[in-house]
Each structure stands twice: as C-alpha cells, then as structure tokens.
Amino acid sequence: MSDHEAIRLLERIEAFELDDPEAQFPFSSRLAGEQGWSHVFAAKVIREYRRFVGLAMVAGHPVSPSPAVDQVWHLHLVYTKSYWREMCGECLGREFHHSPTAGGVEEGAKFHDWYGRTLDSYRRFFGMEPPEDVWPSPERRLEEPEEGRWIVKTRFWLVPRPPWTGRGWWRQWRRRWGKT
C-alpha cells in the first residue's frame, strides 16, 4: 500500500460513524452505559478504536487493542451490518477479524509483544503518545484486570470496593498468607 493510499484509508476510517443518526439509543450511548463511562470518555475511546483499526490496516504487523478499545470492538461486532458491511466492506475494503488469545504463557507473551508494537506504531503514525487513560503501558496492562463487564443490573447489586483495599490488595494478601 502506498503512502497516499494509507493516508486516504486512515481518513476514511477517521470519518466512519459508529452512531446511527436515526437511532434513539446510539452506539456511543450504549457503550457508555454498558461500561459505566461518561459520554465524553466513550467518545474518546471510540476515536481510539478508529485509530486502532487504522493501525491494523497499515502498520504491517499484528496489532493488539487496549482493554478499553477492545470493549468498543466487541460491541461493534454486535452491530453486524455496521461492522461487516459498512466498515469492513465499504470503508476498509477487506475483512478485519477479532482473534482473541487462546490462553497460556506463549499466547500471553505474543499478545504482550503485539501490544508494545501497537503502541510504537501509534507513536510513529499519529506523532504523539497514546492517551494513558485509554492505552495503558504494557506493564500496567498486565497488572490491572480488564474493567469491562456485562452485569444484569436488575438481578445484581453493584457495591464499590472500599478505597482502603486499593488495587491488588487480594493478590498481596494471598502471596503473604497463602491461597485459600
């Protein structure tokens, strides 16, 4: 792909609209509600999803999304007409499959490498650092569990963890006192 073709493709992806203008409950609102994000943050992650798709098309190596970008991708796959016909077929001109990890140490190392390469390509193609609140460092990405969850709110209560527990307190307790 020539530089000119890559630039035109990235422009098409940037212009691709995920929100149906006729929908009363658009994609971005559903994303924000399901993830517990503000509409401003959801819009930011959607922009980063578009950049991720662009990188997947032009980087020349496998790419791996951040946890937040992966949540946008998962939801977009549910909108099959938008994803397969409009984005892949009309905008990209090719299929773009989601290939999750098969698990295990080798797979973990592979996706860790892909994620680091994705961040390097982001810096090269967009000329800036990826936003840390959407694209955590590779080390932080491994340390923190993914935040995205599907919970039926009518069947379960969601109670926030007390702030004194902090992140990783359970892992530290298990290391010190053993697994129960």
N, C-alpha and C. Protein backbone atom coordinates (compact mmCIF):
# COMPACT_ATOMS: atom_id res chain seq x y z
N MET A 1 0.85 -1.17 0.00
CA MET A 1 0.00 0.00 0.00
C MET A 1 0.90 1.24 0.00
N SER A 2 0.62 2.15 -0.92
CA SER A 2 1.41 3.38 -0.99
C SER A 2 1.06 4.30 0.18
N ASP A 3 1.92 5.27 0.42
CA ASP A 3 1.64 6.24 1.49
C ASP A 3 0.35 6.99 1.21
N HIS A 4 0.13 7.34 -0.05
CA HIS A 4 -1.10 8.06 -0.42
C HIS A 4 -2.34 7.21 -0.14
N GLU A 5 -2.29 5.93 -0.49
CA GLU A 5 -3.42 5.03 -0.21
C GLU A 5 -3.64 4.86 1.29
N ALA A 6 -2.55 4.76 2.05
CA ALA A 6 -2.66 4.61 3.50
C ALA A 6 -3.30 5.85 4.13
N ILE A 7 -2.90 7.02 3.67
CA ILE A 7 -3.48 8.26 4.20
C ILE A 7 -4.97 8.34 3.89
N ARG A 8 -5.34 8.00 2.66
CA ARG A 8 -6.77 8.02 2.29
C ARG A 8 -7.57 7.02 3.11
N LEU A 9 -7.01 5.83 3.35
CA LEU A 9 -7.69 4.83 4.16
C LEU A 9 -7.86 5.32 5.60
N LEU A 10 -6.80 5.89 6.18
CA LEU A 10 -6.89 6.41 7.54
C LEU A 10 -7.93 7.53 7.63
N GLU A 11 -8.04 8.36 6.61
CA GLU A 11 -9.06 9.42 6.59
C GLU A 11 -10.46 8.82 6.53
N ARG A 12 -10.65 7.78 5.73
CA ARG A 12 -11.98 7.12 5.66
C ARG A 12 -12.35 6.51 7.01
N ILE A 13 -11.38 5.87 7.65
CA ILE A 13 -11.65 5.25 8.96
C ILE A 13 -11.98 6.33 9.98
N GLU A 14 -11.24 7.43 9.97
CA GLU A 14 -11.49 8.53 10.91
C GLU A 14 -12.89 9.10 10.72
N ALA A 15 -13.37 9.11 9.49
CA ALA A 15 -14.70 9.66 9.20
C ALA A 15 -15.83 8.65 9.42
N PHE A 16 -15.48 7.37 9.63
CA PHE A 16 -16.50 6.35 9.79
C PHE A 16 -17.32 6.62 11.05
N GLU A 17 -18.63 6.66 10.92
CA GLU A 17 -19.53 6.99 12.03
C GLU A 17 -20.14 5.72 12.62
N LEU A 18 -19.92 5.52 13.90
CA LEU A 18 -20.50 4.37 14.59
C LEU A 18 -21.92 4.65 15.06
N ASP A 19 -22.24 5.90 15.32
CA ASP A 19 -23.60 6.24 15.76
C ASP A 19 -24.51 6.40 14.55
N ASP A 20 -25.59 5.65 14.53
CA ASP A 20 -26.62 5.80 13.50
C ASP A 20 -27.38 7.09 13.82
N PRO A 21 -27.40 8.07 12.90
CA PRO A 21 -28.06 9.33 13.21
C PRO A 21 -29.57 9.20 13.46
N GLU A 22 -30.16 8.10 13.02
CA GLU A 22 -31.60 7.90 13.21
C GLU A 22 -31.92 7.09 14.47
N ALA A 23 -30.91 6.56 15.13
CA ALA A 23 -31.13 5.73 16.32
C ALA A 23 -31.45 6.61 17.53
N GLN A 24 -32.44 6.20 18.30
CA GLN A 24 -32.74 6.91 19.54
C GLN A 24 -31.76 6.53 20.64
N PHE A 25 -31.18 5.35 20.54
CA PHE A 25 -30.19 4.88 21.50
C PHE A 25 -28.93 4.52 20.71
N PRO A 26 -28.10 5.52 20.42
CA PRO A 26 -26.95 5.27 19.54
C PRO A 26 -25.86 4.43 20.19
N PHE A 27 -24.97 3.96 19.34
CA PHE A 27 -23.84 3.12 19.74
C PHE A 27 -23.08 3.72 20.92
N SER A 28 -22.73 5.00 20.84
CA SER A 28 -21.92 5.63 21.88
C SER A 28 -22.65 5.65 23.22
N SER A 29 -23.96 5.82 23.21
CA SER A 29 -24.73 5.80 24.46
C SER A 29 -24.78 4.40 25.04
N ARG A 30 -24.95 3.41 24.18
CA ARG A 30 -24.95 2.03 24.66
C ARG A 30 -23.60 1.67 25.26
N LEU A 31 -22.52 2.06 24.56
CA LEU A 31 -21.17 1.79 25.06
C LEU A 31 -20.96 2.44 26.42
N ALA A 32 -21.30 3.72 26.52
CA ALA A 32 -21.11 4.44 27.79
C ALA A 32 -21.90 3.76 28.91
N GLY A 33 -23.14 3.40 28.63
CA GLY A 33 -23.97 2.77 29.65
C GLY A 33 -23.46 1.40 30.08
N GLU A 34 -23.09 0.57 29.12
CA GLU A 34 -22.63 -0.78 29.44
C GLU A 34 -21.30 -0.77 30.19
N GLN A 35 -20.45 0.20 29.88
CA GLN A 35 -19.12 0.24 30.50
C GLN A 35 -19.07 1.13 31.73
N GLY A 36 -20.13 1.90 31.98
CA GLY A 36 -20.11 2.82 33.11
C GLY A 36 -19.20 4.01 32.86
N TRP A 37 -19.05 4.40 31.58
CA TRP A 37 -18.21 5.51 31.18
C TRP A 37 -19.06 6.76 30.97
N SER A 38 -18.45 7.92 31.08
CA SER A 38 -19.11 9.15 30.68
C SER A 38 -19.22 9.15 29.15
N HIS A 39 -20.12 9.97 28.61
CA HIS A 39 -20.23 10.07 27.16
C HIS A 39 -18.96 10.66 26.55
N VAL A 40 -18.31 11.54 27.28
CA VAL A 40 -17.07 12.15 26.80
C VAL A 40 -15.98 11.08 26.69
N PHE A 41 -15.85 10.24 27.72
CA PHE A 41 -14.83 9.19 27.68
C PHE A 41 -15.17 8.15 26.60
N ALA A 42 -16.44 7.80 26.46
CA ALA A 42 -16.84 6.85 25.41
C ALA A 42 -16.46 7.39 24.03
N ALA A 43 -16.70 8.67 23.79
CA ALA A 43 -16.33 9.28 22.51
C ALA A 43 -14.82 9.21 22.29
N LYS A 44 -14.06 9.43 23.35
CA LYS A 44 -12.60 9.36 23.26
C LYS A 44 -12.15 7.95 22.90
N VAL A 45 -12.73 6.95 23.54
CA VAL A 45 -12.33 5.56 23.26
C VAL A 45 -12.77 5.15 21.86
N ILE A 46 -13.91 5.64 21.39
CA ILE A 46 -14.33 5.36 20.01
C ILE A 46 -13.32 5.94 19.03
N ARG A 47 -12.83 7.15 19.29
CA ARG A 47 -11.80 7.74 18.43
C ARG A 47 -10.55 6.86 18.42
N GLU A 48 -10.18 6.36 19.61
CA GLU A 48 -9.01 5.50 19.69
C GLU A 48 -9.25 4.15 19.01
N TYR A 49 -10.48 3.66 19.03
CA TYR A 49 -10.82 2.44 18.30
C TYR A 49 -10.60 2.65 16.80
N ARG A 50 -11.03 3.78 16.29
CA ARG A 50 -10.81 4.08 14.87
C ARG A 50 -9.31 4.09 14.56
N ARG A 51 -8.53 4.69 15.45
CA ARG A 51 -7.08 4.71 15.23
C ARG A 51 -6.50 3.29 15.26
N PHE A 52 -7.00 2.47 16.17
CA PHE A 52 -6.56 1.07 16.24
C PHE A 52 -6.87 0.34 14.94
N VAL A 53 -8.08 0.52 14.42
CA VAL A 53 -8.45 -0.12 13.15
C VAL A 53 -7.50 0.36 12.05
N GLY A 54 -7.22 1.65 12.03
CA GLY A 54 -6.28 2.18 11.05
C GLY A 54 -4.91 1.54 11.17
N LEU A 55 -4.42 1.41 12.39
CA LEU A 55 -3.12 0.77 12.59
C LEU A 55 -3.14 -0.68 12.11
N ALA A 56 -4.24 -1.37 12.36
CA ALA A 56 -4.34 -2.77 11.92
C ALA A 56 -4.22 -2.87 10.40
N MET A 57 -4.66 -1.84 9.70
CA MET A 57 -4.63 -1.87 8.24
C MET A 57 -3.27 -1.45 7.67
N VAL A 58 -2.54 -0.57 8.37
CA VAL A 58 -1.34 0.00 7.75
C VAL A 58 -0.03 -0.29 8.48
N ALA A 59 -0.07 -0.80 9.69
CA ALA A 59 1.17 -0.96 10.48
C ALA A 59 2.13 -2.00 9.90
N GLY A 60 1.59 -3.00 9.23
CA GLY A 60 2.47 -4.03 8.67
C GLY A 60 2.86 -5.13 9.64
N HIS A 61 2.20 -5.16 10.80
CA HIS A 61 2.43 -6.20 11.79
C HIS A 61 1.13 -6.41 12.57
N PRO A 62 1.00 -7.56 13.26
CA PRO A 62 -0.21 -7.77 14.06
C PRO A 62 -0.32 -6.70 15.16
N VAL A 63 -1.53 -6.30 15.45
CA VAL A 63 -1.77 -5.29 16.49
C VAL A 63 -2.69 -5.87 17.56
N SER A 64 -2.64 -5.27 18.74
CA SER A 64 -3.46 -5.71 19.86
C SER A 64 -4.07 -4.47 20.52
N PRO A 65 -5.38 -4.49 20.80
CA PRO A 65 -6.03 -3.31 21.37
C PRO A 65 -5.80 -3.19 22.87
N SER A 66 -6.03 -1.99 23.37
CA SER A 66 -6.07 -1.79 24.82
C SER A 66 -7.37 -2.41 25.32
N PRO A 67 -7.49 -2.65 26.62
CA PRO A 67 -8.75 -3.19 27.14
C PRO A 67 -9.97 -2.33 26.80
N ALA A 68 -9.83 -1.02 26.88
CA ALA A 68 -10.97 -0.13 26.57
C ALA A 68 -11.31 -0.20 25.09
N VAL A 69 -10.31 -0.15 24.23
CA VAL A 69 -10.55 -0.24 22.79
C VAL A 69 -11.17 -1.59 22.44
N ASP A 70 -10.74 -2.64 23.13
CA ASP A 70 -11.32 -3.97 22.90
C ASP A 70 -12.81 -4.00 23.22
N GLN A 71 -13.23 -3.26 24.23
CA GLN A 71 -14.66 -3.20 24.56
C GLN A 71 -15.46 -2.55 23.44
N VAL A 72 -14.90 -1.51 22.80
CA VAL A 72 -15.57 -0.89 21.65
C VAL A 72 -15.66 -1.90 20.52
N TRP A 73 -14.57 -2.61 20.27
CA TRP A 73 -14.53 -3.60 19.19
C TRP A 73 -15.58 -4.68 19.43
N HIS A 74 -15.66 -5.19 20.66
CA HIS A 74 -16.65 -6.22 20.98
C HIS A 74 -18.07 -5.73 20.69
N LEU A 75 -18.37 -4.52 21.13
CA LEU A 75 -19.72 -4.00 20.89
C LEU A 75 -19.95 -3.76 19.41
N HIS A 76 -18.95 -3.26 18.70
CA HIS A 76 -19.12 -3.02 17.26
C HIS A 76 -19.40 -4.32 16.53
N LEU A 77 -18.80 -5.41 16.94
CA LEU A 77 -19.06 -6.71 16.31
C LEU A 77 -20.53 -7.13 16.45
N VAL A 78 -21.20 -6.66 17.49
CA VAL A 78 -22.62 -6.96 17.69
C VAL A 78 -23.47 -6.23 16.65
N TYR A 79 -23.02 -5.07 16.22
CA TYR A 79 -23.70 -4.30 15.17
C TYR A 79 -23.20 -4.83 13.83
N THR A 80 -23.69 -6.00 13.45
CA THR A 80 -23.11 -6.75 12.33
C THR A 80 -23.16 -5.99 11.00
N LYS A 81 -24.23 -5.31 10.70
CA LYS A 81 -24.32 -4.56 9.43
C LYS A 81 -23.27 -3.45 9.42
N SER A 82 -23.19 -2.70 10.52
CA SER A 82 -22.22 -1.62 10.60
C SER A 82 -20.80 -2.17 10.50
N TYR A 83 -20.53 -3.26 11.22
CA TYR A 83 -19.17 -3.79 11.25
C TYR A 83 -18.78 -4.44 9.92
N TRP A 84 -19.54 -5.46 9.51
CA TRP A 84 -19.12 -6.26 8.35
C TRP A 84 -19.37 -5.57 7.02
N ARG A 85 -20.55 -4.99 6.84
CA ARG A 85 -20.86 -4.40 5.53
C ARG A 85 -20.25 -3.00 5.40
N GLU A 86 -20.58 -2.14 6.39
CA GLU A 86 -20.19 -0.75 6.24
C GLU A 86 -18.71 -0.50 6.54
N MET A 87 -18.20 -0.98 7.66
CA MET A 87 -16.80 -0.71 7.97
C MET A 87 -15.87 -1.61 7.16
N CYS A 88 -16.02 -2.94 7.33
CA CYS A 88 -15.09 -3.83 6.64
C CYS A 88 -15.27 -3.77 5.12
N GLY A 89 -16.52 -3.91 4.67
CA GLY A 89 -16.76 -3.98 3.23
C GLY A 89 -16.55 -2.67 2.50
N GLU A 90 -17.19 -1.60 3.00
CA GLU A 90 -17.18 -0.33 2.27
C GLU A 90 -16.00 0.56 2.65
N CYS A 91 -15.68 0.65 3.92
CA CYS A 91 -14.62 1.57 4.37
C CYS A 91 -13.23 0.95 4.20
N LEU A 92 -13.05 -0.25 4.73
CA LEU A 92 -11.72 -0.89 4.68
C LEU A 92 -11.46 -1.63 3.38
N GLY A 93 -12.51 -2.18 2.81
CA GLY A 93 -12.34 -2.97 1.60
C GLY A 93 -11.80 -4.36 1.86
N ARG A 94 -11.90 -4.80 3.09
CA ARG A 94 -11.45 -6.15 3.45
C ARG A 94 -11.99 -6.52 4.83
N GLU A 95 -11.94 -7.80 5.14
CA GLU A 95 -12.40 -8.26 6.45
C GLU A 95 -11.35 -7.94 7.51
N PHE A 96 -11.83 -7.74 8.73
CA PHE A 96 -10.94 -7.50 9.87
C PHE A 96 -11.49 -8.33 11.03
N HIS A 97 -10.84 -9.47 11.27
CA HIS A 97 -11.33 -10.42 12.26
C HIS A 97 -10.75 -10.15 13.64
N HIS A 98 -11.56 -10.42 14.64
CA HIS A 98 -11.14 -10.33 16.05
C HIS A 98 -10.63 -11.71 16.44
N SER A 99 -9.37 -11.79 16.83
CA SER A 99 -8.77 -13.07 17.20
C SER A 99 -8.29 -13.01 18.64
N PRO A 100 -9.14 -13.41 19.59
CA PRO A 100 -8.71 -13.36 20.99
C PRO A 100 -7.65 -14.42 21.29
N THR A 101 -7.01 -14.26 22.42
CA THR A 101 -5.97 -15.19 22.83
C THR A 101 -6.55 -16.58 23.10
N ALA A 102 -5.75 -17.59 22.85
CA ALA A 102 -6.13 -18.96 23.17
C ALA A 102 -5.69 -19.32 24.59
N GLY A 103 -5.01 -18.39 25.27
CA GLY A 103 -4.56 -18.62 26.64
C GLY A 103 -3.18 -19.25 26.69
N GLY A 104 -2.59 -19.22 27.85
CA GLY A 104 -1.27 -19.83 28.05
C GLY A 104 -0.15 -18.80 28.02
N VAL A 105 1.01 -19.25 28.44
CA VAL A 105 2.18 -18.37 28.57
C VAL A 105 2.63 -17.84 27.21
N GLU A 106 2.71 -18.73 26.21
CA GLU A 106 3.17 -18.29 24.89
C GLU A 106 2.23 -17.26 24.28
N GLU A 107 0.93 -17.51 24.39
CA GLU A 107 -0.06 -16.56 23.87
C GLU A 107 0.05 -15.23 24.60
N GLY A 108 0.22 -15.28 25.92
CA GLY A 108 0.37 -14.05 26.69
C GLY A 108 1.56 -13.24 26.23
N ALA A 109 2.68 -13.93 26.00
CA ALA A 109 3.90 -13.25 25.53
C ALA A 109 3.68 -12.67 24.13
N LYS A 110 3.00 -13.42 23.28
CA LYS A 110 2.73 -12.95 21.92
C LYS A 110 1.89 -11.67 21.94
N PHE A 111 0.79 -11.68 22.71
CA PHE A 111 -0.07 -10.50 22.74
C PHE A 111 0.60 -9.33 23.46
N HIS A 112 1.46 -9.61 24.43
CA HIS A 112 2.22 -8.55 25.09
C HIS A 112 3.14 -7.87 24.07
N ASP A 113 3.80 -8.67 23.24
CA ASP A 113 4.67 -8.14 22.19
C ASP A 113 3.85 -7.34 21.18
N TRP A 114 2.71 -7.88 20.74
CA TRP A 114 1.86 -7.18 19.77
C TRP A 114 1.39 -5.85 20.34
N TYR A 115 1.04 -5.83 21.61
CA TYR A 115 0.56 -4.59 22.23
C TYR A 115 1.68 -3.54 22.25
N GLY A 116 2.87 -3.93 22.63
CA GLY A 116 4.00 -3.00 22.62
C GLY A 116 4.27 -2.46 21.23
N ARG A 117 4.20 -3.33 20.23
CA ARG A 117 4.40 -2.91 18.84
C ARG A 117 3.27 -1.99 18.38
N THR A 118 2.06 -2.25 18.87
CA THR A 118 0.92 -1.38 18.54
C THR A 118 1.17 0.03 19.07
N LEU A 119 1.64 0.14 20.32
CA LEU A 119 1.92 1.45 20.89
C LEU A 119 3.05 2.16 20.13
N ASP A 120 4.08 1.42 19.73
CA ASP A 120 5.17 2.01 18.94
C ASP A 120 4.64 2.54 17.60
N SER A 121 3.79 1.75 16.94
CA SER A 121 3.22 2.19 15.67
C SER A 121 2.29 3.39 15.86
N TYR A 122 1.58 3.42 16.96
CA TYR A 122 0.71 4.57 17.27
C TYR A 122 1.56 5.85 17.29
N ARG A 123 2.66 5.79 18.01
CA ARG A 123 3.54 6.96 18.11
C ARG A 123 4.06 7.37 16.73
N ARG A 124 4.45 6.39 15.93
CA ARG A 124 5.02 6.65 14.61
C ARG A 124 3.96 7.22 13.66
N PHE A 125 2.77 6.62 13.62
CA PHE A 125 1.75 7.05 12.65
C PHE A 125 1.03 8.33 13.06
N PHE A 126 0.78 8.50 14.37
CA PHE A 126 0.00 9.65 14.81
C PHE A 126 0.86 10.76 15.41
N GLY A 127 2.16 10.51 15.58
CA GLY A 127 3.08 11.54 16.04
C GLY A 127 2.83 12.03 17.45
N MET A 128 2.28 11.16 18.29
CA MET A 128 2.01 11.54 19.67
C MET A 128 1.96 10.30 20.54
N GLU A 129 2.02 10.52 21.85
CA GLU A 129 1.86 9.43 22.80
C GLU A 129 0.40 8.99 22.83
N PRO A 130 0.14 7.69 22.91
CA PRO A 130 -1.24 7.24 23.09
C PRO A 130 -1.76 7.72 24.44
N PRO A 131 -3.03 8.15 24.53
CA PRO A 131 -3.54 8.61 25.83
C PRO A 131 -3.52 7.48 26.85
N GLU A 132 -2.87 7.73 27.98
CA GLU A 132 -2.66 6.72 29.02
C GLU A 132 -3.97 6.18 29.60
N ASP A 133 -5.01 7.02 29.62
CA ASP A 133 -6.28 6.55 30.19
C ASP A 133 -7.00 5.57 29.27
N VAL A 134 -6.58 5.50 28.01
CA VAL A 134 -7.15 4.54 27.06
C VAL A 134 -6.14 3.45 26.73
N TRP A 135 -4.89 3.81 26.62
CA TRP A 135 -3.82 2.90 26.24
C TRP A 135 -2.80 2.81 27.39
N PRO A 136 -3.05 1.97 28.41
CA PRO A 136 -2.06 1.85 29.49
C PRO A 136 -0.75 1.27 28.97
N SER A 137 0.32 1.52 29.69
CA SER A 137 1.61 0.94 29.31
C SER A 137 1.48 -0.59 29.31
N PRO A 138 2.35 -1.28 28.57
CA PRO A 138 2.28 -2.75 28.56
C PRO A 138 2.37 -3.35 29.97
N GLU A 139 3.18 -2.76 30.83
CA GLU A 139 3.32 -3.28 32.19
C GLU A 139 2.03 -3.09 32.98
N ARG A 140 1.46 -1.90 32.90
CA ARG A 140 0.21 -1.62 33.62
C ARG A 140 -0.94 -2.47 33.08
N ARG A 141 -0.93 -2.71 31.80
CA ARG A 141 -1.99 -3.53 31.18
C ARG A 141 -1.98 -4.95 31.76
N LEU A 142 -0.78 -5.48 32.03
CA LEU A 142 -0.68 -6.83 32.60
C LEU A 142 -1.05 -6.85 34.08
N GLU A 143 -0.75 -5.77 34.78
CA GLU A 143 -1.00 -5.72 36.23
C GLU A 143 -2.47 -5.56 36.57
N GLU A 144 -3.19 -4.80 35.74
CA GLU A 144 -4.57 -4.46 36.07
C GLU A 144 -5.53 -5.36 35.32
N PRO A 145 -6.54 -5.86 36.01
CA PRO A 145 -7.55 -6.67 35.32
C PRO A 145 -8.38 -5.78 34.40
N GLU A 146 -8.93 -6.38 33.36
CA GLU A 146 -9.81 -5.62 32.48
C GLU A 146 -11.04 -5.16 33.26
N GLU A 147 -11.49 -3.95 32.97
CA GLU A 147 -12.59 -3.36 33.70
C GLU A 147 -13.95 -3.71 33.10
N GLY A 148 -14.00 -4.03 31.81
CA GLY A 148 -15.28 -4.24 31.14
C GLY A 148 -16.00 -5.48 31.66
N ARG A 149 -17.26 -5.33 31.99
CA ARG A 149 -18.07 -6.45 32.48
C ARG A 149 -19.50 -6.29 32.01
N TRP A 150 -20.16 -7.40 31.76
CA TRP A 150 -21.59 -7.38 31.48
C TRP A 150 -22.30 -7.90 32.71
N ILE A 151 -23.09 -7.07 33.31
CA ILE A 151 -23.83 -7.44 34.52
C ILE A 151 -25.28 -7.03 34.34
N VAL A 152 -26.18 -7.93 34.65
CA VAL A 152 -27.59 -7.61 34.59
C VAL A 152 -27.93 -6.86 35.88
N LYS A 153 -28.10 -5.55 35.75
CA LYS A 153 -28.26 -4.70 36.94
C LYS A 153 -29.57 -4.97 37.68
N THR A 154 -30.55 -5.55 37.00
CA THR A 154 -31.81 -5.85 37.68
C THR A 154 -31.71 -7.09 38.55
N ARG A 155 -30.66 -7.88 38.36
CA ARG A 155 -30.50 -9.12 39.14
C ARG A 155 -29.41 -9.04 40.19
N PHE A 156 -28.51 -8.06 40.06
CA PHE A 156 -27.37 -7.99 40.97
C PHE A 156 -27.19 -6.57 41.48
N TRP A 157 -26.68 -6.48 42.68
CA TRP A 157 -26.26 -5.18 43.22
C TRP A 157 -24.79 -5.01 42.92
N LEU A 158 -24.41 -3.80 42.63
CA LEU A 158 -23.01 -3.49 42.44
C LEU A 158 -22.58 -2.61 43.60
N VAL A 159 -21.67 -3.13 44.38
CA VAL A 159 -21.19 -2.40 45.55
C VAL A 159 -19.72 -2.09 45.33
N PRO A 160 -19.35 -0.80 45.35
CA PRO A 160 -17.94 -0.47 45.12
C PRO A 160 -17.04 -1.01 46.24
N ARG A 161 -15.84 -1.37 45.86
CA ARG A 161 -14.84 -1.83 46.82
C ARG A 161 -14.43 -0.65 47.70
N PRO A 162 -14.29 -0.85 48.98
CA PRO A 162 -13.84 0.26 49.85
C PRO A 162 -12.48 0.76 49.41
N PRO A 163 -12.26 2.07 49.45
CA PRO A 163 -10.99 2.63 48.96
C PRO A 163 -9.77 2.13 49.72
N TRP A 164 -9.94 1.75 50.97
CA TRP A 164 -8.78 1.30 51.74
C TRP A 164 -8.22 -0.02 51.24
N THR A 165 -9.00 -0.77 50.42
CA THR A 165 -8.48 -2.04 49.91
C THR A 165 -7.48 -1.83 48.79
N GLY A 166 -7.61 -0.76 48.02
CA GLY A 166 -6.68 -0.47 46.94
C GLY A 166 -6.66 -1.55 45.87
N ARG A 167 -5.89 -1.31 44.83
CA ARG A 167 -5.76 -2.29 43.75
C ARG A 167 -4.75 -3.35 44.14
N GLY A 168 -5.07 -4.58 43.89
CA GLY A 168 -4.14 -5.67 44.11
C GLY A 168 -4.00 -6.12 45.55
N TRP A 169 -4.85 -5.63 46.44
CA TRP A 169 -4.70 -5.99 47.85
C TRP A 169 -4.91 -7.49 48.05
N TRP A 170 -5.84 -8.08 47.31
CA TRP A 170 -6.12 -9.51 47.47
C TRP A 170 -4.92 -10.34 47.03
N ARG A 171 -4.29 -9.96 45.94
CA ARG A 171 -3.10 -10.68 45.43
C ARG A 171 -1.98 -10.60 46.46
N GLN A 172 -1.79 -9.42 47.04
CA GLN A 172 -0.75 -9.26 48.07
C GLN A 172 -1.06 -10.12 49.29
N TRP A 173 -2.32 -10.16 49.69
CA TRP A 173 -2.72 -10.96 50.86
C TRP A 173 -2.47 -12.45 50.59
N ARG A 174 -2.84 -12.90 49.39
CA ARG A 174 -2.64 -14.32 49.05
C ARG A 174 -1.16 -14.67 49.01
N ARG A 175 -0.31 -13.78 48.48
CA ARG A 175 1.12 -14.05 48.45
C ARG A 175 1.68 -14.21 49.86
N ARG A 176 1.20 -13.37 50.75
CA ARG A 176 1.72 -13.41 52.11
C ARG A 176 1.14 -14.56 52.92
N TRP A 177 -0.15 -14.78 52.84
CA TRP A 177 -0.82 -15.75 53.71
C TRP A 177 -1.19 -17.06 53.00
N GLY A 178 -0.94 -17.15 51.71
CA GLY A 178 -1.27 -18.39 51.00
C GLY A 178 -2.66 -18.38 50.45
N LYS A 179 -2.88 -19.24 49.48
CA LYS A 179 -4.21 -19.32 48.84
C LYS A 179 -5.18 -20.01 49.76
N THR A 180 -6.44 -19.57 49.69
CA THR A 180 -7.48 -20.22 50.50
C THR A 180 -8.49 -20.89 49.61
